[in-house]
Amino acid sequence: MHISLTPELESRVKAKVESGMYNNASEVIREALRFMDIHEDWIHQVKLAQLRQQLEVGTEQLARGEGIAVESKVILDALFDDIKS
């Protein structure tokens, strides 16, 4: 596999190798990809935690009778449009 890097990124990879932390550019790229995977997993967990919290708030509101009845798809679509904006 061959990858192309901008001069700035190439310089950063070379600096990592020259620091002695990595033996070669491939190790730097592998580590960066591992970090990216961990970061994406963390972001997913944060979003999931936020969604769970929002669901809990909504469930509590429904238990207090604060929900609204949605009787048609048109009303539901309008509700989602309001939420998006």
C-alpha atoms as a PDB file:
ATOM      1  CA  MET A   1       0.000   0.000   0.000  1.00  0.00           C
ATOM      2  CA  HIS A   2       1.152   3.490  -0.786  1.00  0.00           C
ATOM      3  CA  ILE A   3      -0.170   6.636   0.863  1.00  0.00           C
ATOM      4  CA  SER A   4       0.401  10.284   0.058  1.00  0.00           C
ATOM      5  CA  LEU A   5       0.858  12.845   2.811  1.00  0.00           C
ATOM      6  CA  THR A   6       1.002  16.588   2.728  1.00  0.00           C
ATOM      7  CA  PRO A   7       4.471  18.000   3.376  1.00  0.00           C
ATOM      8  CA  GLU A   8       3.357  19.051   6.874  1.00  0.00           C
ATOM      9  CA  LEU A   9       2.113  15.570   7.758  1.00  0.00           C
ATOM     10  CA  GLU A  10       5.198  13.954   6.291  1.00  0.00           C
ATOM     11  CA  SER A  11       7.328  16.268   8.419  1.00  0.00           C
ATOM     12  CA  ARG A  12       5.368  15.304  11.524  1.00  0.00           C
ATOM     13  CA  VAL A  13       5.808  11.595  10.807  1.00  0.00           C
ATOM     14  CA  LYS A  14       9.546  12.062  10.254  1.00  0.00           C
ATOM     15  CA  ALA A  15       9.805  14.016  13.517  1.00  0.00           C
ATOM     16  CA  LYS A  16       8.163  11.151  15.404  1.00  0.00           C
ATOM     17  CA  VAL A  17      10.636   8.668  13.940  1.00  0.00           C
ATOM     18  CA  GLU A  18      13.580  10.992  14.660  1.00  0.00           C
ATOM     19  CA  SER A  19      12.424  11.358  18.261  1.00  0.00           C
ATOM     20  CA  GLY A  20      13.207   7.688  18.768  1.00  0.00           C
ATOM     21  CA  MET A  21       9.673   6.837  19.846  1.00  0.00           C
ATOM     22  CA  TYR A  22       9.103   4.900  16.620  1.00  0.00           C
ATOM     23  CA  ASN A  23      11.402   2.813  14.449  1.00  0.00           C
ATOM     24  CA  ASN A  24       9.846   3.849  11.150  1.00  0.00           C
ATOM     25  CA  ALA A  25       7.019   5.730   9.472  1.00  0.00           C
ATOM     26  CA  SER A  26       4.805   2.628   9.341  1.00  0.00           C
ATOM     27  CA  GLU A  27       4.813   2.418  13.136  1.00  0.00           C
ATOM     28  CA  VAL A  28       3.775   6.070  13.363  1.00  0.00           C
ATOM     29  CA  ILE A  29       0.893   5.540  10.936  1.00  0.00           C
ATOM     30  CA  ARG A  30      -0.248   2.350  12.697  1.00  0.00           C
ATOM     31  CA  GLU A  31      -0.254   4.154  16.053  1.00  0.00           C
ATOM     32  CA  ALA A  32      -2.183   7.067  14.557  1.00  0.00           C
ATOM     33  CA  LEU A  33      -4.799   4.677  13.167  1.00  0.00           C
ATOM     34  CA  ARG A  34      -5.111   2.902  16.529  1.00  0.00           C
ATOM     35  CA  PHE A  35      -5.589   6.279  18.201  1.00  0.00           C
ATOM     36  CA  MET A  36      -8.227   7.193  15.621  1.00  0.00           C
ATOM     37  CA  ASP A  37     -10.131   3.975  16.383  1.00  0.00           C
ATOM     38  CA  ILE A  38     -10.008   4.668  20.123  1.00  0.00           C
ATOM     39  CA  HIS A  39     -11.132   8.252  19.548  1.00  0.00           C
ATOM     40  CA  GLU A  40     -14.059   7.139  17.385  1.00  0.00           C
ATOM     41  CA  ASP A  41     -15.092   4.590  20.031  1.00  0.00           C
ATOM     42  CA  TRP A  42     -14.925   7.305  22.706  1.00  0.00           C
ATOM     43  CA  ILE A  43     -17.055   9.688  20.617  1.00  0.00           C
ATOM     44  CA  HIS A  44     -19.597   6.900  20.092  1.00  0.00           C
ATOM     45  CA  GLN A  45     -19.750   6.251  23.849  1.00  0.00           C
ATOM     46  CA  VAL A  46     -20.202   9.966  24.603  1.00  0.00           C
ATOM     47  CA  LYS A  47     -23.038  10.252  22.079  1.00  0.00           C
ATOM     48  CA  LEU A  48     -24.657   7.106  23.442  1.00  0.00           C
ATOM     49  CA  ALA A  49     -24.462   8.446  27.010  1.00  0.00           C
ATOM     50  CA  GLN A  50     -26.064  11.726  25.893  1.00  0.00           C
ATOM     51  CA  LEU A  51     -28.849   9.865  24.109  1.00  0.00           C
ATOM     52  CA  ARG A  52     -29.502   7.727  27.200  1.00  0.00           C
ATOM     53  CA  GLN A  53     -29.672  10.863  29.341  1.00  0.00           C
ATOM     54  CA  GLN A  54     -32.107  12.487  26.922  1.00  0.00           C
ATOM     55  CA  LEU A  55     -34.242   9.337  26.886  1.00  0.00           C
ATOM     56  CA  GLU A  56     -34.313   9.359  30.679  1.00  0.00           C
ATOM     57  CA  VAL A  57     -35.471  12.992  30.697  1.00  0.00           C
ATOM     58  CA  GLY A  58     -38.176  12.170  28.143  1.00  0.00           C
ATOM     59  CA  THR A  59     -39.329   9.136  30.079  1.00  0.00           C
ATOM     60  CA  GLU A  60     -39.584  11.216  33.249  1.00  0.00           C
ATOM     61  CA  GLN A  61     -41.569  13.880  31.370  1.00  0.00           C
ATOM     62  CA  LEU A  62     -43.972  11.250  30.047  1.00  0.00           C
ATOM     63  CA  ALA A  63     -44.412   9.837  33.560  1.00  0.00           C
ATOM     64  CA  ARG A  64     -45.409  13.336  34.745  1.00  0.00           C
ATOM     65  CA  GLY A  65     -47.958  13.603  31.930  1.00  0.00           C
ATOM     66  CA  GLU A  66     -45.940  16.174  30.003  1.00  0.00           C
ATOM     67  CA  GLY A  67     -46.004  14.282  26.711  1.00  0.00           C
ATOM     68  CA  ILE A  68     -47.919  15.278  23.625  1.00  0.00           C
ATOM     69  CA  ALA A  69     -50.092  12.977  21.537  1.00  0.00           C
ATOM     70  CA  VAL A  70     -49.055  12.762  17.904  1.00  0.00           C
ATOM     71  CA  GLU A  71     -51.995  11.773  15.775  1.00  0.00           C
ATOM     72  CA  SER A  72     -50.589  11.969  12.256  1.00  0.00           C
ATOM     73  CA  LYS A  73     -47.383  11.572  10.316  1.00  0.00           C
ATOM     74  CA  VAL A  74     -47.603  15.219   9.207  1.00  0.00           C
ATOM     75  CA  ILE A  75     -47.556  16.390  12.821  1.00  0.00           C
ATOM     76  CA  LEU A  76     -44.711  13.995  13.630  1.00  0.00           C
ATOM     77  CA  ASP A  77     -42.677  15.213  10.634  1.00  0.00           C
ATOM     78  CA  ALA A  78     -43.235  18.832  11.709  1.00  0.00           C
ATOM     79  CA  LEU A  79     -42.123  17.939  15.243  1.00  0.00           C
ATOM     80  CA  PHE A  80     -38.897  16.373  13.943  1.00  0.00           C
ATOM     81  CA  ASP A  81     -38.302  19.380  11.705  1.00  0.00           C
ATOM     82  CA  ASP A  82     -38.592  21.639  14.769  1.00  0.00           C
ATOM     83  CA  ILE A  83     -36.165  19.433  16.682  1.00  0.00           C
ATOM     84  CA  LYS A  84     -33.628  19.554  13.846  1.00  0.00           C
ATOM     85  CA  SER A  85     -33.696  23.351  13.682  1.00  0.00           C
END
